[in-house]
Structure formats: C-alpha cells, structure tokens
Amino acid sequence: MEKLIKFENTDEERALFGRGDKVAKRIREEFGVVMVSRNGHIKVEGTQEPVETACDVVNQLLRHLRSRGSLSVDDAMRIVESRGGAKGEREVNRNLSQPLVGSVRPKTSGQEAYSRSVDQYDVVFCVGPAGSGKTYLAVAKAIQHLKKGVVKRLVLVRPAVEAGEKLGFLPGDYRDKVNPYVRPLYDALNDMLEFGQIRRYVERDIIEVAPLAYMRGRTLDQAFIILDEAQNTTPAQMKMFLTRMGLHSKVVVTGDVTQMDLPANQQSGLNHALSVLNNVKGIGIVELGQADIVRHKVVQAIVSAYAREEGSTGNSSRG
C-alpha cells in the first residue's frame, strides 16, 4: 500500500526530515513503513494498517506545526511515541478497542478500562500519574461522542490554580490570563482535529474551554464535560461543578492526587469527592498507574522515583 501526503511549504518538510532525519526515522522504526520525501510530498509505503497509522501520525504532526507555527524534535518524538509505543505494547493493542479519533486508542489495559467506563457511566473519575493519558483519552472520548451525535457540545474546564501563580499576576486581558491554564486542553484538541475545525466549533459554541469559575450558575444539557486537574479544586468547587450536569450529559473528572497546587491546609475537592461518592450508583472511578504512562519512557522512571521518595518520607508533591 502507498499513500501521499502533501507539504504546504518547505518548512513543513524540514520539520519532519531536517537535522538528521530524526523524526521520519523514528516513524519508520515505530510503524515499520518506508517513508521518503519527494517533490513536496511524503510517500509512505507498507502494509495497510501500519501505513494508515503512520500517515495519521504525520498528519497529527503537521496539524501541530500549522496551529503553533513550530514543531520541536522533542514534541514530535512525544507525539510519535504516544501513538506508537513499544512493539510488545502494539501487540497488546490488537486486543484493545478500536480507535476513538483517527488512530487514537487506549494503549494499556488500564486505559482500556477507562474508555469502557466512560461508555458505561454518566460520571467518571479518573486519577493517575502524569503521562497516563487521563486528559488525552477524555478529550478523544468527547470528540468521539460529539461525532456520533451522542452529545451536542464539549465543555472543557480547568481550575485556574497553578504552582502558586494567580491570574491577576499575569499580564494581558482576560483571554491572555486564562490561556495558560486551558492550553493543555487545546493541545489535545489540536492533535485530534484540524485547526480550522476547532476554530469553527469554538465560534459556534460547540466547543467551550473555560476556567472552573465560569461554570457557576449554569446547567449543561447534551454536553460532554471534562474537568481537568481536579486535584486543584476545593470541595465546594467540586460540588458546584458536578451539579452543573444537565440532561443527556456526560462528565469526566481527571486529576493526579500527588500533584496539588492548593494551600497546604486546603482539602482537595478531588480527594473529598472520591471519598463521598465512592459507592454512588452511576459513577465510575478509574485509577491509572505507572504502567499506563505513555509519554517519553523516562517519565515513568521519574514518577517511580518520586513515588519511592514520597513513600519513604510520607510527603506528597504539591507541584
């Protein structure tokens, strides 16, 4: 099988094939395809499934480049590794679910359980370490539900609490202040949808990305609602958020309870909710672990090292 992907300009070609051909070489290794740059195109050859997956990854890289104006080698490698994985992991994937959006799919048994839980329950809590796919898979499931017509809009929410900084300390107007907090949600959207499509969805209010404070007083019907970084909510904020859920809606709450940026004497709304709602019918709770980390392989080692240190001292990271 052979497929062609057209570059818009020479900068795109350099981003994928420049400086030692690192990015293209990694794609070839990960997916077992032949890939060459020729006459303003990428030509990808091989068997059907690897070619389709490799092309989907190339298109994802190009979307990233076109939406942000740059593509570092590190970012490119992260995207390739998150979609490829080790050969053994790809063998496991054959027994997992079909792709959610493009070729985005659960890569571990824990992520597969997470995906099934979102289908089964109207409210799902997912806790796990950095890089375990909590937010990325939630956004993929949200887009899947939107495209299938299960919901009419996506609402992606984050608390505006990060590493001791407050919105008022940042320069610029409201949008400039809010953007750093919701940027990771846009990053996931950019990986899965064309930039123009995201812009149209935002303009038509089909996709809304907002800080948690803007949820108060609302009722969200026929919506897929994601609360990211939920460990940085207070119990009152969590209750407020969960009660925004309207008819025919789904809610996914994600967070890492080891990385809280709240004041030391403030209880996390995520921990409180997990305790209070543990046995409530219709709510799913999923815990991902270090084995579910699908970022750069060193991230798993970093998380393990911090877990050992925190276990020996009895402290948890707050940054």
Protein backbone atom coordinates (compact mmCIF):
# COMPACT_ATOMS: atom_id res chain seq x y z
CA MET A 1 0.00 0.00 0.00
CA GLU A 2 1.18 3.54 -0.78
CA LYS A 3 -0.08 6.93 0.40
CA LEU A 4 0.98 10.50 -0.34
CA ILE A 5 0.76 13.50 2.00
CA LYS A 6 1.38 16.97 0.59
CA PHE A 7 3.51 19.62 2.33
CA GLU A 8 2.24 23.19 2.25
CA ASN A 9 5.77 24.61 2.27
CA THR A 10 9.43 23.69 2.70
CA ASP A 11 9.34 24.49 6.44
CA GLU A 12 6.99 21.55 6.96
CA GLU A 13 9.34 19.27 5.07
CA ARG A 14 12.32 20.43 7.15
CA ALA A 15 10.40 19.89 10.39
CA LEU A 16 9.86 16.20 9.56
CA PHE A 17 13.00 15.42 7.57
CA GLY A 18 15.57 18.01 8.65
CA ARG A 19 18.52 17.68 11.04
CA GLY A 20 19.48 14.07 10.52
CA ASP A 21 16.05 12.81 9.52
CA LYS A 22 15.34 12.04 13.21
CA VAL A 23 11.57 12.39 13.18
CA ALA A 24 10.99 10.48 9.95
CA LYS A 25 13.45 7.80 11.05
CA ARG A 26 11.54 7.30 14.30
CA ILE A 27 8.24 6.99 12.43
CA ARG A 28 9.77 4.35 10.16
CA GLU A 29 11.04 2.40 13.18
CA GLU A 30 7.82 2.66 15.17
CA PHE A 31 5.45 1.60 12.40
CA GLY A 32 7.63 -0.46 10.07
CA VAL A 33 6.95 1.61 6.97
CA VAL A 34 9.04 3.06 4.15
CA MET A 35 8.77 6.85 4.12
CA VAL A 36 10.51 9.30 1.79
CA SER A 37 10.17 12.98 0.93
CA ARG A 38 9.83 13.71 -2.76
CA ASN A 39 8.60 16.70 -4.82
CA GLY A 40 6.79 18.38 -1.94
CA HIS A 41 5.13 15.18 -0.75
CA ILE A 42 5.67 12.44 1.80
CA LYS A 43 5.32 8.98 0.32
CA VAL A 44 4.52 6.21 2.84
CA GLU A 45 4.68 2.57 1.76
CA GLY A 46 4.00 -0.71 3.53
CA THR A 47 1.10 -2.90 4.64
CA GLN A 48 -2.28 -1.25 5.15
CA GLU A 49 -2.58 -0.82 8.92
CA PRO A 50 0.97 0.49 9.55
CA VAL A 51 0.71 2.88 6.58
CA GLU A 52 -2.63 4.27 7.74
CA THR A 53 -1.35 4.70 11.30
CA ALA A 54 1.91 6.32 10.17
CA CYS A 55 0.01 8.72 7.89
CA ASP A 56 -2.33 9.63 10.73
CA VAL A 57 0.71 10.42 12.90
CA VAL A 58 2.28 12.54 10.13
CA ASN A 59 -0.98 14.47 9.76
CA GLN A 60 -1.06 14.98 13.53
CA LEU A 61 2.47 16.37 13.43
CA LEU A 62 1.53 18.70 10.58
CA ARG A 63 -1.57 19.92 12.47
CA HIS A 64 0.64 20.66 15.46
CA LEU A 65 3.09 22.57 13.26
CA ARG A 66 0.39 24.53 11.41
CA SER A 67 -1.52 25.51 14.55
CA ARG A 68 1.53 26.58 16.59
CA GLY A 69 3.98 27.65 13.90
CA SER A 70 6.73 25.32 15.10
CA LEU A 71 7.44 21.69 15.85
CA SER A 72 10.39 20.79 18.05
CA VAL A 73 12.07 17.40 17.76
CA ASP A 74 11.07 16.66 21.38
CA ASP A 75 7.40 17.44 20.68
CA ALA A 76 7.50 15.36 17.53
CA MET A 77 9.05 12.39 19.33
CA ARG A 78 6.47 12.65 22.10
CA ILE A 79 3.63 12.51 19.59
CA VAL A 80 5.18 9.59 17.68
CA GLU A 81 5.86 7.61 20.87
CA SER A 82 2.38 8.27 22.28
CA ARG A 83 0.84 6.84 19.10
CA GLY A 84 3.33 4.04 18.51
CA GLY A 85 4.74 2.55 21.68
CA ALA A 86 6.99 -0.45 22.05
CA LYS A 87 6.46 -3.46 19.79
CA GLY A 88 5.16 -5.51 22.68
CA GLU A 89 2.64 -2.80 23.54
CA ARG A 90 1.43 -2.72 19.93
CA GLU A 91 0.77 -6.44 20.13
CA VAL A 92 -1.37 -5.79 23.20
CA ASN A 93 -3.21 -3.04 21.33
CA ARG A 94 -4.56 -5.54 18.82
CA ASN A 95 -6.75 -6.91 21.59
CA LEU A 96 -7.91 -3.48 22.72
CA SER A 97 -10.74 -1.30 21.42
CA GLN A 98 -10.99 0.28 18.00
CA PRO A 99 -9.55 3.80 17.53
CA LEU A 100 -11.52 6.59 19.20
CA VAL A 101 -10.46 9.50 16.95
CA GLY A 102 -8.18 8.88 13.97
CA SER A 103 -5.81 6.26 15.32
CA VAL A 104 -6.00 7.45 18.95
CA ARG A 105 -6.84 4.45 21.08
CA PRO A 106 -6.18 3.04 24.56
CA LYS A 107 -2.63 1.72 24.75
CA THR A 108 -2.79 -0.19 28.04
CA SER A 109 -5.30 -2.36 29.86
CA GLY A 110 -5.84 0.48 32.35
CA GLN A 111 -6.62 2.94 29.59
CA GLU A 112 -8.96 0.40 28.00
CA ALA A 113 -10.85 0.09 31.30
CA TYR A 114 -11.03 3.90 31.41
CA SER A 115 -12.50 4.05 27.91
CA ARG A 116 -15.11 1.41 28.75
CA SER A 117 -16.01 3.20 31.97
CA VAL A 118 -16.74 6.43 30.08
CA ASP A 119 -19.12 4.49 27.83
CA GLN A 120 -20.79 2.78 30.79
CA TYR A 121 -21.22 5.62 33.29
CA ASP A 122 -22.50 9.19 33.04
CA VAL A 123 -19.96 10.41 35.60
CA VAL A 124 -16.38 9.07 35.65
CA PHE A 125 -13.46 9.98 37.89
CA CYS A 126 -10.02 9.08 36.55
CA VAL A 127 -6.96 9.54 38.75
CA GLY A 128 -3.42 8.70 37.78
CA PRO A 129 0.15 9.94 37.35
CA ALA A 130 1.44 12.38 34.75
CA GLY A 131 1.53 10.92 31.26
CA SER A 132 -1.04 8.16 31.85
CA GLY A 133 -3.47 9.59 29.29
CA LYS A 134 -6.16 10.89 31.66
CA THR A 135 -6.86 14.12 29.79
CA TYR A 136 -5.89 12.98 26.30
CA LEU A 137 -8.26 10.00 26.30
CA ALA A 138 -11.04 12.05 27.87
CA VAL A 139 -10.80 14.57 25.02
CA ALA A 140 -10.71 11.71 22.48
CA LYS A 141 -13.86 10.18 24.00
CA ALA A 142 -15.53 13.60 24.00
CA ILE A 143 -14.81 14.10 20.29
CA GLN A 144 -15.98 10.55 19.59
CA HIS A 145 -19.29 11.22 21.35
CA LEU A 146 -19.68 14.54 19.52
CA LYS A 147 -19.07 12.99 16.10
CA LYS A 148 -21.53 10.18 16.85
CA GLY A 149 -24.20 12.70 17.85
CA VAL A 150 -24.41 11.41 21.43
CA VAL A 151 -23.77 14.96 22.68
CA LYS A 152 -24.11 18.35 21.00
CA ARG A 153 -21.21 20.17 22.60
CA LEU A 154 -17.97 19.78 24.54
CA VAL A 155 -17.17 21.79 27.66
CA LEU A 156 -13.55 21.52 28.80
CA VAL A 157 -12.84 23.01 32.22
CA ARG A 158 -9.77 23.64 34.39
CA PRO A 159 -9.33 25.35 37.76
CA ALA A 160 -7.17 28.47 37.49
CA VAL A 161 -4.66 27.30 40.09
CA GLU A 162 -1.09 26.58 39.02
CA ALA A 163 2.14 26.40 41.02
CA GLY A 164 1.45 29.40 43.24
CA GLU A 165 0.64 31.91 40.49
CA LYS A 166 -2.70 33.67 40.29
CA LEU A 167 -4.50 35.09 37.26
CA GLY A 168 -4.13 38.68 38.42
CA PHE A 169 -0.34 38.42 38.41
CA LEU A 170 -0.20 37.64 34.71
CA PRO A 171 -0.08 40.37 32.03
CA GLY A 172 -2.76 40.98 29.43
CA ASP A 173 -6.56 40.87 29.21
CA TYR A 174 -8.91 38.09 30.33
CA ARG A 175 -8.06 35.77 27.44
CA ASP A 176 -4.32 36.26 27.96
CA LYS A 177 -4.68 35.44 31.65
CA VAL A 178 -6.84 32.36 31.12
CA ASN A 179 -4.93 30.86 28.19
CA PRO A 180 -2.04 29.31 30.19
CA TYR A 181 -4.49 27.34 32.32
CA VAL A 182 -6.54 25.88 29.47
CA ARG A 183 -3.65 25.46 26.99
CA PRO A 184 -3.22 21.69 27.64
CA LEU A 185 -6.84 21.12 26.63
CA TYR A 186 -6.28 22.99 23.36
CA ASP A 187 -3.12 20.92 22.82
CA ALA A 188 -5.17 17.72 22.92
CA LEU A 189 -7.79 19.18 20.58
CA ASN A 190 -5.08 20.27 18.13
CA ASP A 191 -3.77 16.71 17.99
CA MET A 192 -7.18 15.31 17.02
CA LEU A 193 -8.96 17.96 14.94
CA GLU A 194 -7.95 20.31 12.16
CA PHE A 195 -7.20 23.85 13.34
CA GLY A 196 -9.95 25.34 11.17
CA GLN A 197 -12.47 22.86 12.53
CA ILE A 198 -11.57 23.72 16.13
CA ARG A 199 -11.98 27.42 15.35
CA ARG A 200 -15.41 26.83 13.78
CA TYR A 201 -16.51 24.71 16.73
CA VAL A 202 -15.37 27.37 19.20
CA GLU A 203 -17.08 30.16 17.24
CA ARG A 204 -20.34 28.16 17.14
CA ASP A 205 -20.04 27.31 20.86
CA ILE A 206 -19.84 23.58 20.09
CA ILE A 207 -16.52 23.52 21.95
CA GLU A 208 -16.04 25.66 25.03
CA VAL A 209 -12.78 25.80 27.00
CA ALA A 210 -13.07 27.76 30.23
CA PRO A 211 -11.82 28.16 33.80
CA LEU A 212 -13.84 26.45 36.51
CA ALA A 213 -15.13 29.71 38.00
CA TYR A 214 -17.21 30.30 34.85
CA MET A 215 -19.33 27.19 35.47
CA ARG A 216 -21.25 28.59 38.44
CA GLY A 217 -24.98 29.01 37.89
CA ARG A 218 -25.11 27.03 34.63
CA THR A 219 -26.92 23.85 33.57
CA LEU A 220 -25.26 21.92 30.74
CA ASP A 221 -27.59 19.66 28.74
CA GLN A 222 -26.47 17.25 25.99
CA ALA A 223 -22.84 18.04 26.73
CA PHE A 224 -19.64 16.10 27.32
CA ILE A 225 -18.00 17.95 30.21
CA ILE A 226 -14.38 17.40 31.28
CA LEU A 227 -12.86 18.78 34.47
CA ASP A 228 -9.08 18.52 34.20
CA GLU A 229 -6.54 18.99 37.03
CA ALA A 230 -9.36 18.35 39.51
CA GLN A 231 -6.92 17.87 42.39
CA ASN A 232 -6.71 21.67 42.45
CA THR A 233 -10.39 22.19 43.23
CA THR A 234 -11.86 22.73 46.68
CA PRO A 235 -14.75 20.52 47.88
CA ALA A 236 -17.16 23.43 47.31
CA GLN A 237 -15.91 23.93 43.76
CA MET A 238 -16.19 20.22 43.01
CA LYS A 239 -19.78 20.10 44.26
CA MET A 240 -20.60 23.18 42.19
CA PHE A 241 -19.06 21.61 39.07
CA LEU A 242 -20.75 18.22 39.40
CA THR A 243 -24.17 19.80 39.87
CA ARG A 244 -23.84 21.67 36.53
CA MET A 245 -24.62 18.38 34.76
CA GLY A 246 -27.87 18.51 32.83
CA LEU A 247 -29.95 16.00 30.87
CA HIS A 248 -28.23 13.61 28.45
CA SER A 249 -24.76 14.76 29.51
CA LYS A 250 -21.55 13.01 30.49
CA VAL A 251 -18.94 14.20 32.98
CA VAL A 252 -15.30 13.08 33.20
CA VAL A 253 -13.16 14.34 36.08
CA THR A 254 -9.39 13.82 35.84
CA GLY A 255 -6.56 14.54 38.23
CA ASP A 256 -3.32 13.48 39.86
CA VAL A 257 -3.67 13.48 43.65
CA THR A 258 0.13 13.60 44.07
CA GLN A 259 0.43 17.00 42.35
CA MET A 260 -1.67 19.56 44.18
CA ASP A 261 -1.09 23.31 44.00
CA LEU A 262 -3.61 24.20 46.72
CA PRO A 263 -2.53 25.80 50.01
CA ALA A 264 -1.18 23.21 52.45
CA ASN A 265 -4.23 23.49 54.74
CA GLN A 266 -6.80 23.20 51.93
CA GLN A 267 -8.53 19.87 51.29
CA SER A 268 -8.64 18.76 47.65
CA GLY A 269 -12.09 18.56 46.12
CA LEU A 270 -10.98 15.51 44.15
CA ASN A 271 -9.95 13.54 47.24
CA HIS A 272 -13.14 14.61 49.01
CA ALA A 273 -15.33 13.57 46.07
CA LEU A 274 -13.64 10.18 45.74
CA SER A 275 -14.46 9.53 49.40
CA VAL A 276 -18.02 10.87 49.38
CA LEU A 277 -19.11 9.40 46.02
CA ASN A 278 -17.29 6.07 46.19
CA ASN A 279 -20.46 3.97 46.43
CA VAL A 280 -22.88 6.18 44.48
CA LYS A 281 -24.65 4.28 41.71
CA GLY A 282 -23.95 5.56 38.19
CA ILE A 283 -20.46 6.86 38.97
CA GLY A 284 -17.32 5.13 37.70
CA ILE A 285 -13.93 5.51 39.36
CA VAL A 286 -10.79 4.50 37.46
CA GLU A 287 -7.25 4.52 38.82
CA LEU A 288 -4.38 4.51 36.33
CA GLY A 289 -0.86 3.61 37.43
CA GLN A 290 2.74 3.86 36.36
CA ALA A 291 2.25 1.04 33.84
CA ASP A 292 -0.23 3.29 31.99
CA ILE A 293 2.27 6.11 31.38
CA VAL A 294 2.66 6.56 27.61
CA ARG A 295 4.80 9.69 27.41
CA HIS A 296 8.56 9.57 26.96
CA LYS A 297 9.84 6.42 28.67
CA VAL A 298 11.86 8.42 31.20
CA VAL A 299 8.61 9.91 32.59
CA GLN A 300 7.70 6.51 34.03
CA ALA A 301 11.10 6.35 35.75
CA ILE A 302 10.64 9.89 37.12
CA VAL A 303 7.20 9.08 38.54
CA SER A 304 8.57 5.89 40.12
CA ALA A 305 11.49 7.75 41.71
CA TYR A 306 9.22 10.41 43.22
CA ALA A 307 6.78 7.75 44.47
CA ARG A 308 9.63 5.97 46.26
CA GLU A 309 10.87 9.21 47.80
CA GLU A 310 7.39 10.27 48.93
CA GLY A 311 6.73 6.83 50.34
CA SER A 312 9.88 6.98 52.44
CA THR A 313 9.20 10.49 53.78
CA GLY A 314 5.43 10.37 54.00
CA ASN A 315 5.12 13.57 51.94
CA SER A 316 3.30 14.15 48.65
CA SER A 317 4.40 16.53 45.91
CA ARG A 318 2.48 19.77 45.64
CA GLY A 319 3.97 20.97 42.36
